[in-house]
N, C-alpha and C. Protein backbone atom coordinates (compact mmCIF):
# COMPACT_ATOMS: atom_id res chain seq x y z
N MET A 1 48.70 24.32 -12.56
CA MET A 1 47.90 24.05 -11.19
C MET A 1 46.97 25.28 -10.69
N ALA A 2 46.05 25.09 -9.80
CA ALA A 2 45.41 26.32 -9.52
C ALA A 2 46.34 26.15 -8.26
N SER A 3 46.20 28.19 -7.89
CA SER A 3 46.67 28.20 -6.69
C SER A 3 45.48 28.13 -5.86
N ALA A 4 45.96 28.30 -4.49
CA ALA A 4 45.68 28.20 -2.96
C ALA A 4 43.71 29.47 -2.82
N GLU A 5 43.98 30.33 -3.22
CA GLU A 5 43.00 31.39 -3.07
C GLU A 5 42.44 30.93 -4.12
N PHE A 6 42.97 30.65 -5.47
CA PHE A 6 41.34 30.15 -6.60
C PHE A 6 40.46 28.83 -5.70
N SER A 7 40.93 28.03 -4.97
CA SER A 7 40.72 26.56 -4.58
C SER A 7 39.79 26.88 -3.71
N HIS A 8 40.29 28.19 -2.69
CA HIS A 8 39.33 28.32 -1.54
C HIS A 8 38.25 28.96 -2.02
N GLN A 9 38.54 29.86 -2.74
CA GLN A 9 36.89 30.24 -4.14
C GLN A 9 36.29 29.07 -4.46
N ILE A 10 36.82 28.66 -5.37
CA ILE A 10 36.35 27.25 -5.68
C ILE A 10 35.23 26.51 -4.85
N GLU A 11 36.15 26.15 -4.08
CA GLU A 11 35.26 25.32 -2.74
C GLU A 11 34.18 25.67 -1.85
N ALA A 12 34.64 27.24 -1.58
CA ALA A 12 33.71 28.07 -1.50
C ALA A 12 32.42 28.15 -2.41
N LEU A 13 32.15 27.75 -3.32
CA LEU A 13 30.95 27.75 -4.35
C LEU A 13 30.15 26.98 -4.26
N ARG A 14 31.08 25.32 -3.54
CA ARG A 14 30.19 23.72 -3.79
C ARG A 14 28.62 23.86 -3.52
N PRO A 15 28.36 24.50 -2.35
CA PRO A 15 27.18 24.27 -1.50
C PRO A 15 25.92 24.83 -2.76
N VAL A 16 26.36 26.13 -3.86
CA VAL A 16 25.75 26.84 -4.76
C VAL A 16 25.74 26.30 -5.91
N LEU A 17 26.49 25.19 -6.01
CA LEU A 17 26.90 24.07 -7.68
C LEU A 17 25.59 22.62 -6.85
N LEU A 18 25.92 22.43 -6.07
CA LEU A 18 25.31 21.40 -5.09
C LEU A 18 23.82 21.11 -5.75
N LYS A 19 23.31 22.57 -4.90
CA LYS A 19 22.07 22.68 -4.83
C LYS A 19 21.89 23.36 -6.05
N TYR A 20 22.08 23.91 -7.47
CA TYR A 20 21.72 23.73 -8.60
C TYR A 20 21.49 22.63 -9.15
N ALA A 21 22.67 21.64 -8.94
CA ALA A 21 22.30 20.04 -9.60
C ALA A 21 21.08 19.86 -8.78
N ARG A 22 21.40 19.35 -8.08
CA ARG A 22 19.92 18.38 -6.94
C ARG A 22 18.95 18.99 -7.55
N LEU A 23 18.41 20.48 -8.20
CA LEU A 23 17.12 20.85 -8.87
C LEU A 23 17.24 20.20 -9.53
N GLN A 24 18.34 20.44 -10.83
CA GLN A 24 18.67 19.37 -11.65
C GLN A 24 17.84 18.50 -12.00
N LEU A 25 19.16 17.50 -10.86
CA LEU A 25 19.19 16.23 -11.65
C LEU A 25 18.12 15.22 -10.38
N ARG A 26 17.55 15.68 -8.97
CA ARG A 26 16.62 14.96 -8.74
C ARG A 26 17.42 13.90 -8.02
N ASN A 27 18.88 13.82 -8.02
CA ASN A 27 19.33 12.26 -7.17
C ASN A 27 20.37 13.21 -7.03
N PRO A 28 20.02 12.95 -5.25
CA PRO A 28 21.59 13.96 -4.74
C PRO A 28 23.57 12.85 -5.10
N ALA A 29 23.63 11.21 -5.07
CA ALA A 29 24.70 10.91 -6.08
C ALA A 29 24.78 11.36 -7.37
N TRP A 30 23.62 12.15 -8.05
CA TRP A 30 24.14 12.07 -9.28
C TRP A 30 25.04 13.86 -9.60
N ALA A 31 24.40 14.37 -8.10
CA ALA A 31 24.34 16.02 -8.66
C ALA A 31 25.79 16.05 -7.81
N GLU A 32 26.14 14.78 -6.53
CA GLU A 32 27.77 14.64 -6.23
C GLU A 32 28.74 15.03 -7.46
N ASP A 33 28.60 13.71 -7.79
CA ASP A 33 29.09 13.26 -9.35
C ASP A 33 29.60 14.73 -10.49
N ALA A 34 28.41 15.37 -10.41
CA ALA A 34 28.14 16.59 -11.29
C ALA A 34 28.99 17.23 -11.11
N VAL A 35 28.80 17.90 -9.30
CA VAL A 35 29.72 18.46 -9.03
C VAL A 35 31.27 18.53 -8.52
N SER A 36 31.53 17.22 -8.07
CA SER A 36 33.17 16.96 -8.00
C SER A 36 33.90 17.06 -9.54
N GLU A 37 32.99 16.85 -10.43
CA GLU A 37 33.50 16.39 -12.15
C GLU A 37 33.69 18.00 -12.00
N THR A 38 33.21 19.17 -12.20
CA THR A 38 33.23 20.87 -12.82
C THR A 38 34.35 20.66 -11.38
N LEU A 39 34.13 21.22 -9.95
CA LEU A 39 35.51 21.56 -9.50
C LEU A 39 36.56 20.48 -9.82
N LEU A 40 36.04 19.80 -10.65
CA LEU A 40 37.88 18.94 -11.19
C LEU A 40 38.35 19.48 -11.94
N ALA A 41 37.75 19.54 -13.24
CA ALA A 41 37.84 20.01 -14.43
C ALA A 41 38.60 21.84 -14.33
N ALA A 42 37.63 22.61 -13.19
CA ALA A 42 38.03 23.59 -12.91
C ALA A 42 39.84 24.18 -12.18
N LEU A 43 39.26 23.01 -11.40
CA LEU A 43 40.95 23.18 -10.86
C LEU A 43 42.19 22.60 -11.72
N GLU A 44 41.97 21.55 -12.68
CA GLU A 44 43.01 21.38 -13.66
C GLU A 44 43.33 22.60 -14.80
N LYS A 45 42.01 23.28 -14.73
CA LYS A 45 42.84 23.57 -15.88
C LYS A 45 42.25 26.15 -15.15
N PRO A 46 42.75 25.77 -14.07
CA PRO A 46 42.60 27.73 -13.53
C PRO A 46 42.68 29.01 -14.85
N GLN A 47 43.65 28.61 -16.12
CA GLN A 47 44.23 29.34 -16.98
C GLN A 47 42.51 29.18 -17.61
N ALA A 48 42.00 28.65 -17.95
CA ALA A 48 40.21 28.99 -18.97
C ALA A 48 39.56 30.12 -18.27
N PHE A 49 39.68 29.79 -16.67
CA PHE A 49 39.06 31.46 -16.49
C PHE A 49 39.62 32.60 -16.48
N ALA A 50 39.22 33.10 -17.08
CA ALA A 50 39.91 34.82 -18.31
C ALA A 50 39.51 35.79 -17.54
N GLY A 51 38.69 35.54 -16.31
CA GLY A 51 38.09 37.19 -15.73
C GLY A 51 36.84 37.30 -16.49
N ALA A 52 37.07 37.05 -17.39
CA ALA A 52 35.34 37.74 -17.69
C ALA A 52 34.39 37.94 -17.13
N SER A 53 34.01 36.49 -16.51
CA SER A 53 32.58 36.93 -16.30
C SER A 53 33.27 36.23 -14.47
N GLN A 54 31.78 36.42 -13.86
CA GLN A 54 32.43 36.25 -11.89
C GLN A 54 31.95 34.32 -12.07
N LEU A 55 33.52 34.00 -10.89
CA LEU A 55 33.51 32.64 -10.81
C LEU A 55 32.83 31.42 -10.86
N LYS A 56 31.46 32.25 -10.56
CA LYS A 56 30.23 31.37 -10.07
C LYS A 56 29.83 31.13 -11.23
N THR A 57 28.98 32.27 -12.36
CA THR A 57 28.56 32.14 -13.48
C THR A 57 30.07 31.39 -14.30
N TRP A 58 30.87 31.08 -14.51
CA TRP A 58 31.85 30.21 -14.73
C TRP A 58 31.66 28.90 -14.29
N LEU A 59 31.87 28.89 -13.43
CA LEU A 59 31.02 27.21 -12.97
C LEU A 59 30.16 27.03 -12.81
N ILE A 60 29.06 27.47 -12.79
CA ILE A 60 27.96 27.19 -13.39
C ILE A 60 27.79 26.74 -15.07
N GLY A 61 28.56 27.86 -15.34
CA GLY A 61 28.66 26.97 -17.30
C GLY A 61 29.30 26.10 -17.33
N ILE A 62 30.31 25.15 -16.54
CA ILE A 62 30.85 24.03 -16.32
C ILE A 62 29.42 23.25 -15.75
N LEU A 63 29.16 23.84 -14.54
CA LEU A 63 28.34 22.58 -13.89
C LEU A 63 27.39 21.94 -15.28
N LYS A 64 26.41 22.81 -16.00
CA LYS A 64 25.85 22.67 -17.21
C LYS A 64 26.16 21.88 -17.91
N HIS A 65 27.10 21.73 -18.95
CA HIS A 65 28.17 20.61 -19.28
C HIS A 65 28.21 19.00 -18.88
N LYS A 66 28.22 19.43 -17.35
CA LYS A 66 28.49 18.51 -16.43
C LYS A 66 26.83 17.64 -16.39
N LEU A 67 25.96 18.64 -15.82
CA LEU A 67 25.01 17.66 -15.93
C LEU A 67 24.20 16.94 -16.93
N VAL A 68 24.54 18.18 -18.18
CA VAL A 68 24.06 17.04 -19.43
C VAL A 68 24.77 15.84 -19.79
N ASP A 69 25.71 15.69 -19.61
CA ASP A 69 26.74 14.45 -19.81
C ASP A 69 26.02 13.37 -18.08
N GLN A 70 25.80 13.35 -17.22
CA GLN A 70 25.00 13.32 -16.33
C GLN A 70 24.32 12.42 -17.02
N ILE A 71 22.72 13.60 -16.78
CA ILE A 71 21.95 12.88 -17.41
C ILE A 71 22.23 11.39 -18.44
N ARG A 72 22.75 12.16 -19.85
CA ARG A 72 22.46 11.20 -21.04
C ARG A 72 23.13 9.88 -20.17
N ARG A 73 24.49 9.73 -19.13
CA ARG A 73 25.00 8.58 -18.93
C ARG A 73 23.92 7.84 -18.74
N ASN A 74 23.13 8.34 -16.97
CA ASN A 74 22.41 8.32 -16.52
C ASN A 74 20.47 7.07 -17.35
N SER A 75 20.66 8.66 -18.64
CA SER A 75 19.58 7.50 -18.96
C SER A 75 19.75 6.23 -19.84
N ARG A 76 21.20 5.90 -20.62
CA ARG A 76 21.72 4.83 -20.64
C ARG A 76 21.23 3.67 -19.71
N GLU A 77 21.88 4.08 -18.96
CA GLU A 77 21.73 3.00 -17.52
C GLU A 77 20.53 3.18 -17.53
N LEU A 78 19.45 3.33 -17.18
CA LEU A 78 17.60 3.33 -17.40
C LEU A 78 17.74 2.73 -18.40
N SER A 79 18.06 3.09 -19.40
CA SER A 79 16.99 2.97 -20.70
C SER A 79 17.24 0.86 -20.54
N THR A 80 18.93 0.90 -20.13
CA THR A 80 19.25 -0.83 -20.33
C THR A 80 18.76 -1.55 -19.49
N THR A 81 18.13 -0.63 -18.09
CA THR A 81 17.46 -1.84 -16.75
C THR A 81 16.13 -2.23 -17.67
N ALA A 82 15.95 -0.32 -17.91
CA ALA A 82 13.89 -1.39 -18.38
C ALA A 82 14.32 -2.09 -19.20
N SER A 83 15.12 -2.07 -20.46
CA SER A 83 14.70 -2.93 -21.29
C SER A 83 15.46 -3.87 -21.21
N ALA A 84 16.30 -4.53 -20.23
CA ALA A 84 16.63 -6.22 -19.62
C ALA A 84 15.01 -6.65 -18.85
N ASP A 85 14.30 -6.02 -18.14
CA ASP A 85 13.53 -6.28 -17.46
C ASP A 85 11.67 -6.23 -18.42
N ASP A 86 11.39 -5.48 -19.45
CA ASP A 86 10.64 -5.38 -20.91
C ASP A 86 11.07 -6.55 -21.61
N GLY A 87 12.20 -7.15 -21.93
CA GLY A 87 12.70 -8.55 -22.99
C GLY A 87 11.91 -9.82 -22.73
N GLU A 88 11.61 -10.01 -21.63
CA GLU A 88 10.91 -10.63 -20.78
C GLU A 88 9.21 -10.15 -20.65
N ASP A 89 9.07 -11.46 -21.69
CA ASP A 89 7.08 -11.06 -21.80
C ASP A 89 6.36 -11.95 -20.73
N LEU A 90 5.63 -10.92 -20.08
CA LEU A 90 5.22 -11.13 -19.19
C LEU A 90 4.07 -12.56 -19.42
N ASP A 91 3.42 -12.71 -20.22
CA ASP A 91 2.62 -13.66 -21.01
C ASP A 91 3.46 -14.70 -21.23
N GLU A 92 4.97 -15.09 -21.68
CA GLU A 92 5.48 -16.43 -21.85
C GLU A 92 5.96 -16.62 -20.30
N LEU A 93 5.56 -15.60 -19.40
CA LEU A 93 6.14 -16.08 -18.01
C LEU A 93 5.31 -16.70 -16.65
N LEU A 94 4.04 -16.15 -16.97
CA LEU A 94 2.45 -16.66 -16.71
C LEU A 94 1.98 -17.96 -17.71
N PHE A 95 2.06 -18.03 -19.10
CA PHE A 95 1.08 -18.96 -19.64
C PHE A 95 2.17 -19.54 -20.06
N ALA A 96 2.09 -21.09 -20.22
CA ALA A 96 2.29 -21.89 -21.27
C ALA A 96 1.43 -22.09 -22.55
N ALA A 97 2.67 -22.50 -23.36
CA ALA A 97 2.32 -22.47 -25.21
C ALA A 97 0.69 -22.53 -25.73
N ASP A 98 0.41 -23.63 -24.46
CA ASP A 98 -1.23 -24.05 -24.79
C ASP A 98 -2.36 -22.88 -24.21
N GLY A 99 -1.57 -21.79 -23.18
CA GLY A 99 -2.55 -21.17 -23.49
C GLY A 99 -2.69 -21.81 -21.70
N HIS A 100 -2.35 -22.90 -20.98
CA HIS A 100 -3.02 -22.41 -19.83
C HIS A 100 -1.74 -22.13 -18.59
N TRP A 101 -2.45 -22.44 -17.57
CA TRP A 101 -1.47 -21.54 -16.33
C TRP A 101 -0.14 -22.05 -16.42
N ARG A 102 1.13 -21.70 -16.13
CA ARG A 102 2.51 -21.90 -15.89
C ARG A 102 2.10 -22.89 -14.48
N GLU A 103 1.71 -22.27 -13.63
CA GLU A 103 1.36 -22.60 -12.15
C GLU A 103 0.16 -22.83 -11.40
N ALA A 104 -0.38 -23.71 -11.41
CA ALA A 104 -1.94 -24.08 -10.84
C ALA A 104 -2.35 -22.63 -10.00
N GLN A 105 -3.06 -21.50 -10.40
CA GLN A 105 -3.83 -20.50 -9.72
C GLN A 105 -4.37 -21.31 -8.27
N HIS A 106 -4.11 -20.21 -7.51
CA HIS A 106 -5.15 -20.55 -5.81
C HIS A 106 -5.69 -20.28 -5.50
N ASP A 107 -6.61 -20.38 -4.93
CA ASP A 107 -8.45 -21.21 -4.80
C ASP A 107 -8.85 -19.82 -3.93
N TRP A 108 -9.50 -18.97 -4.83
CA TRP A 108 -10.07 -17.60 -3.93
C TRP A 108 -11.10 -17.80 -3.07
N GLY A 109 -11.74 -19.49 -3.29
CA GLY A 109 -12.70 -19.72 -3.00
C GLY A 109 -14.36 -18.14 -3.35
N ASP A 110 -14.88 -18.44 -2.52
CA ASP A 110 -16.00 -17.57 -2.90
C ASP A 110 -16.06 -16.61 -2.67
N PRO A 111 -15.66 -15.19 -3.34
CA PRO A 111 -15.46 -14.22 -2.50
C PRO A 111 -17.14 -13.17 -1.89
N GLU A 112 -17.84 -13.51 -3.06
CA GLU A 112 -19.05 -13.06 -2.67
C GLU A 112 -20.29 -13.98 -2.18
N ALA A 113 -19.72 -15.21 -1.73
CA ALA A 113 -20.53 -16.44 -0.96
C ALA A 113 -19.69 -15.23 0.84
N VAL A 114 -17.78 -15.59 1.15
CA VAL A 114 -18.03 -15.00 1.99
C VAL A 114 -18.90 -13.55 2.00
N LEU A 115 -18.43 -12.34 1.76
CA LEU A 115 -19.25 -11.41 1.72
C LEU A 115 -20.63 -11.40 2.52
N ARG A 116 -21.56 -12.59 1.41
CA ARG A 116 -23.03 -12.48 1.72
C ARG A 116 -22.97 -12.77 3.25
N GLN A 117 -22.23 -14.06 3.74
CA GLN A 117 -22.33 -14.55 5.10
C GLN A 117 -22.25 -13.54 6.05
N LEU A 118 -21.01 -12.81 6.01
CA LEU A 118 -20.52 -11.17 6.88
C LEU A 118 -21.91 -10.55 6.92
N ASP A 119 -22.44 -10.25 5.76
CA ASP A 119 -23.06 -9.62 5.76
C ASP A 119 -24.83 -9.72 6.62
N PHE A 120 -24.81 -10.87 6.61
CA PHE A 120 -25.98 -12.01 7.16
C PHE A 120 -25.52 -12.02 8.69
N MET A 121 -24.41 -12.29 9.07
CA MET A 121 -24.05 -11.97 10.61
C MET A 121 -23.92 -10.56 10.89
N LYS A 122 -24.03 -9.46 9.98
CA LYS A 122 -24.27 -8.19 11.01
C LYS A 122 -25.76 -8.07 10.99
N VAL A 123 -26.79 -8.60 10.36
CA VAL A 123 -28.22 -8.67 10.67
C VAL A 123 -28.67 -9.81 11.54
N LEU A 124 -27.92 -10.40 11.90
CA LEU A 124 -28.15 -11.38 13.28
C LEU A 124 -28.21 -10.49 13.97
N GLU A 125 -26.69 -9.98 14.25
CA GLU A 125 -26.05 -10.09 15.53
C GLU A 125 -27.09 -8.43 15.44
N ALA A 126 -27.75 -7.78 14.71
CA ALA A 126 -28.67 -6.80 14.74
C ALA A 126 -29.96 -6.69 15.37
N CYS A 127 -30.36 -8.17 14.96
CA CYS A 127 -31.77 -8.79 14.98
C CYS A 127 -31.62 -9.53 16.43
N VAL A 128 -30.33 -10.08 17.06
CA VAL A 128 -30.12 -10.24 18.33
C VAL A 128 -30.36 -8.92 19.60
N ASP A 129 -29.53 -8.14 18.74
CA ASP A 129 -29.37 -6.88 19.63
C ASP A 129 -31.11 -6.16 19.82
N LYS A 130 -31.91 -6.54 19.36
CA LYS A 130 -32.99 -5.75 19.85
C LYS A 130 -34.37 -7.66 19.99
N LEU A 131 -34.14 -8.29 20.78
CA LEU A 131 -34.52 -8.86 21.53
C LEU A 131 -34.28 -8.65 22.67
N PRO A 132 -35.65 -8.47 23.05
CA PRO A 132 -36.15 -7.91 24.99
C PRO A 132 -36.20 -8.68 26.08
N GLY A 133 -35.38 -7.96 26.82
CA GLY A 133 -35.26 -8.32 28.71
C GLY A 133 -33.65 -9.27 28.09
N GLN A 134 -34.00 -10.67 28.06
CA GLN A 134 -33.21 -11.13 28.86
C GLN A 134 -33.01 -12.53 27.50
N GLN A 135 -33.93 -12.14 26.29
CA GLN A 135 -33.86 -13.65 25.64
C GLN A 135 -32.86 -13.39 25.18
N GLY A 136 -32.27 -12.07 24.71
CA GLY A 136 -30.94 -12.08 23.40
C GLY A 136 -29.89 -12.78 24.54
N ARG A 137 -29.34 -12.62 25.56
CA ARG A 137 -28.45 -13.51 26.31
C ARG A 137 -28.53 -15.05 26.68
N LEU A 138 -29.56 -14.89 26.61
CA LEU A 138 -30.17 -16.71 26.95
C LEU A 138 -30.15 -17.36 24.85
N PHE A 139 -30.23 -16.63 24.51
CA PHE A 139 -30.24 -17.34 22.98
C PHE A 139 -28.51 -17.27 22.39
N MET A 140 -27.39 -16.66 22.70
CA MET A 140 -26.40 -16.09 22.69
C MET A 140 -25.78 -17.50 23.88
N MET A 141 -26.14 -17.90 25.00
CA MET A 141 -26.04 -18.76 25.85
C MET A 141 -26.04 -20.06 25.39
N ARG A 142 -27.17 -20.21 24.74
CA ARG A 142 -27.71 -21.48 24.04
C ARG A 142 -26.87 -22.21 22.87
N GLU A 143 -27.45 -20.46 21.79
CA GLU A 143 -26.98 -21.52 20.84
C GLU A 143 -25.50 -20.89 19.85
N TRP A 144 -24.39 -19.69 20.46
CA TRP A 144 -23.38 -19.06 20.38
C TRP A 144 -22.64 -20.09 20.87
N LEU A 145 -22.76 -19.50 22.99
CA LEU A 145 -21.67 -20.23 23.50
C LEU A 145 -21.70 -21.90 23.84
N GLU A 146 -22.60 -22.34 23.81
CA GLU A 146 -22.83 -23.52 23.66
C GLU A 146 -23.28 -24.29 25.12
N LEU A 147 -23.84 -23.07 25.48
CA LEU A 147 -23.84 -23.60 27.63
C LEU A 147 -25.07 -25.23 27.40
N GLU A 148 -24.76 -25.68 27.92
CA GLU A 148 -26.29 -26.70 28.32
C GLU A 148 -27.24 -26.16 29.36
N SER A 149 -28.13 -26.58 28.44
CA SER A 149 -29.22 -26.01 29.64
C SER A 149 -29.67 -25.96 31.36
N ASP A 150 -28.84 -26.94 31.89
CA ASP A 150 -28.99 -26.60 32.60
C ASP A 150 -27.89 -25.60 33.82
N GLU A 151 -26.44 -25.13 33.05
CA GLU A 151 -26.00 -24.46 33.18
C GLU A 151 -26.58 -22.40 32.71
N ILE A 152 -27.54 -23.07 31.69
CA ILE A 152 -27.79 -21.04 31.78
C ILE A 152 -28.85 -21.43 33.15
N CYS A 153 -29.67 -21.84 32.98
CA CYS A 153 -30.69 -22.73 34.35
C CYS A 153 -30.33 -22.30 35.51
N LYS A 154 -28.85 -22.68 36.05
CA LYS A 154 -28.41 -22.03 36.97
C LYS A 154 -27.57 -20.97 37.67
N GLU A 155 -27.50 -20.27 36.30
CA GLU A 155 -26.54 -18.78 35.96
C GLU A 155 -27.65 -18.20 36.09
N LEU A 156 -28.66 -18.18 35.18
CA LEU A 156 -30.02 -17.18 35.40
C LEU A 156 -31.32 -16.89 36.72
N ALA A 157 -30.63 -18.69 37.44
CA ALA A 157 -31.62 -18.73 37.90
C ALA A 157 -33.59 -18.85 37.87
N ILE A 158 -33.19 -19.79 36.33
CA ILE A 158 -34.63 -19.89 35.92
C ILE A 158 -34.87 -21.30 35.55
N SER A 159 -36.20 -21.78 35.40
CA SER A 159 -36.62 -22.83 35.37
C SER A 159 -36.06 -23.77 34.17
N PRO A 160 -35.80 -24.89 33.57
CA PRO A 160 -36.09 -25.71 32.93
C PRO A 160 -37.00 -25.12 31.64
N THR A 161 -38.42 -24.91 32.60
CA THR A 161 -39.43 -24.81 31.74
C THR A 161 -39.50 -23.03 31.04
N ASN A 162 -39.22 -22.71 31.62
CA ASN A 162 -38.98 -20.79 31.28
C ASN A 162 -38.08 -20.46 30.70
N LEU A 163 -36.37 -21.75 30.54
CA LEU A 163 -36.00 -21.06 29.31
C LEU A 163 -36.79 -21.42 28.34
N TRP A 164 -37.25 -23.03 28.21
CA TRP A 164 -37.64 -23.24 27.34
C TRP A 164 -38.53 -21.98 26.29
N VAL A 165 -39.62 -21.60 27.45
CA VAL A 165 -40.34 -20.84 26.52
C VAL A 165 -39.28 -19.45 26.00
N MET A 166 -38.19 -19.28 27.01
CA MET A 166 -37.72 -17.92 26.41
C MET A 166 -36.78 -18.41 25.20
N LEU A 167 -36.54 -19.41 25.12
CA LEU A 167 -35.84 -19.59 24.01
C LEU A 167 -36.04 -19.67 22.83
N HIS A 168 -37.90 -20.65 23.10
CA HIS A 168 -38.43 -20.52 21.79
C HIS A 168 -39.13 -19.34 21.22
N ARG A 169 -39.30 -18.12 21.91
CA ARG A 169 -40.26 -17.01 22.01
C ARG A 169 -38.80 -15.79 20.81
N ALA A 170 -37.68 -16.66 21.65
CA ALA A 170 -36.53 -15.63 21.12
C ALA A 170 -35.84 -15.83 19.56
N ARG A 171 -36.28 -17.47 19.62
CA ARG A 171 -36.35 -17.54 17.66
C ARG A 171 -37.29 -16.88 17.08
N LEU A 172 -39.00 -17.33 17.70
CA LEU A 172 -38.95 -16.87 16.75
C LEU A 172 -39.27 -14.87 16.85
N ARG A 173 -38.68 -14.90 17.48
CA ARG A 173 -38.64 -12.91 16.84
C ARG A 173 -37.51 -13.05 15.78
N LEU A 174 -36.05 -13.95 16.01
CA LEU A 174 -35.57 -13.39 15.47
C LEU A 174 -35.55 -13.46 13.38
N ARG A 175 -36.05 -15.11 13.45
CA ARG A 175 -37.09 -15.82 12.65
C ARG A 175 -37.97 -14.81 11.46
N GLU A 176 -38.34 -13.57 12.60
CA GLU A 176 -39.29 -12.43 11.87
C GLU A 176 -38.63 -11.54 11.58
N CYS A 177 -37.48 -11.24 12.58
CA CYS A 177 -36.23 -10.35 12.22
C CYS A 177 -35.12 -10.03 10.65
N LEU A 178 -35.31 -11.40 11.21
CA LEU A 178 -34.25 -12.04 9.57
C LEU A 178 -34.85 -11.56 8.75
N GLN A 179 -35.81 -11.95 8.20
CA GLN A 179 -37.07 -12.40 7.62
C GLN A 179 -36.73 -10.77 6.46
N ALA A 180 -37.69 -9.08 7.88
CA ALA A 180 -37.54 -8.89 7.09
C ALA A 180 -36.50 -7.91 6.76
N GLY A 181 -35.28 -8.18 7.97
CA GLY A 181 -34.27 -7.90 7.42
C GLY A 181 -32.99 -8.63 6.29
N TRP A 182 -33.30 -9.09 6.39
CA TRP A 182 -32.21 -10.63 5.06
C TRP A 182 -32.61 -10.80 4.25
N PHE A 183 -34.10 -11.97 4.48
CA PHE A 183 -34.66 -12.62 3.51
C PHE A 183 -35.55 -12.36 2.58
N ASP A 184 -36.51 -11.06 3.39
CA ASP A 184 -37.37 -10.05 2.11
C ASP A 184 -36.02 -8.82 1.59
N ALA A 185 -35.46 -9.20 2.22
CA ALA A 185 -34.46 -7.32 1.07
C ALA A 185 -33.81 -7.15 0.25
N ALA A 186 -33.71 -6.47 -0.11
CA ALA A 186 -33.33 -6.43 -1.71
C ALA A 186 -32.45 -7.30 -1.85
N PRO A 187 -32.31 -7.40 -4.07
CA PRO A 187 -31.30 -8.36 -4.02
C PRO A 187 -29.81 -7.96 -4.27
N GLY A 188 -28.73 -9.27 -3.92
CA GLY A 188 -27.61 -9.65 -2.73
C GLY A 188 -27.54 -9.25 -1.57
N GLY A 189 -29.24 -9.21 -0.38
CA GLY A 189 -29.11 -9.20 0.54
C GLY A 189 -29.53 -10.59 1.32
N GLY A 190 -30.14 -11.07 0.41
CA GLY A 190 -30.63 -12.52 0.73
C GLY A 190 -29.87 -13.53 0.82
N ALA A 191 -30.50 -14.84 1.06
CA ALA A 191 -29.49 -15.83 0.45
C ALA A 191 -29.99 -16.85 -0.94
N SER A 192 -29.14 -16.99 -0.93
CA SER A 192 -28.95 -17.66 -2.25
C SER A 192 -29.64 -19.08 -2.40
């Protein structure tokens, strides 16, 4: 049995041993286990320390063996876990024997069409922003907000004839802008 002074000296070196173990194992729980086993081995056989080296050097020597044991023990655990996961063939999970999907796949739609639509909307917004005066506001009120002509005329204090003329001009300008910015644009930017 170890003396109280010997036990105290060993316990004082615990932080140094723990730091060393953590550097080697990179797992705090495994490092704790290895250090605990080292300290337990030293306390069970204090007579093994002959004093030929420093106590710290002797404990690190024991710890090295415990670290190797810990690495071997945990590598077996990891390889067992990994082989269990690798045992199931992914193809067998996803595909039936006839080569078809086991479960029907979700329809992703047409991502390219959605992207083209988003691109078109950006071009359209830029064209609406370029409309002069109240034409852009009128167009947005009528086509996007779907307000009635009477409401728009009342809101902007214009006549129905003036509204019709301004909307006609707005549509012509948008057509011209979209023709240049979308329909005549490089491949991938135009309509299909």
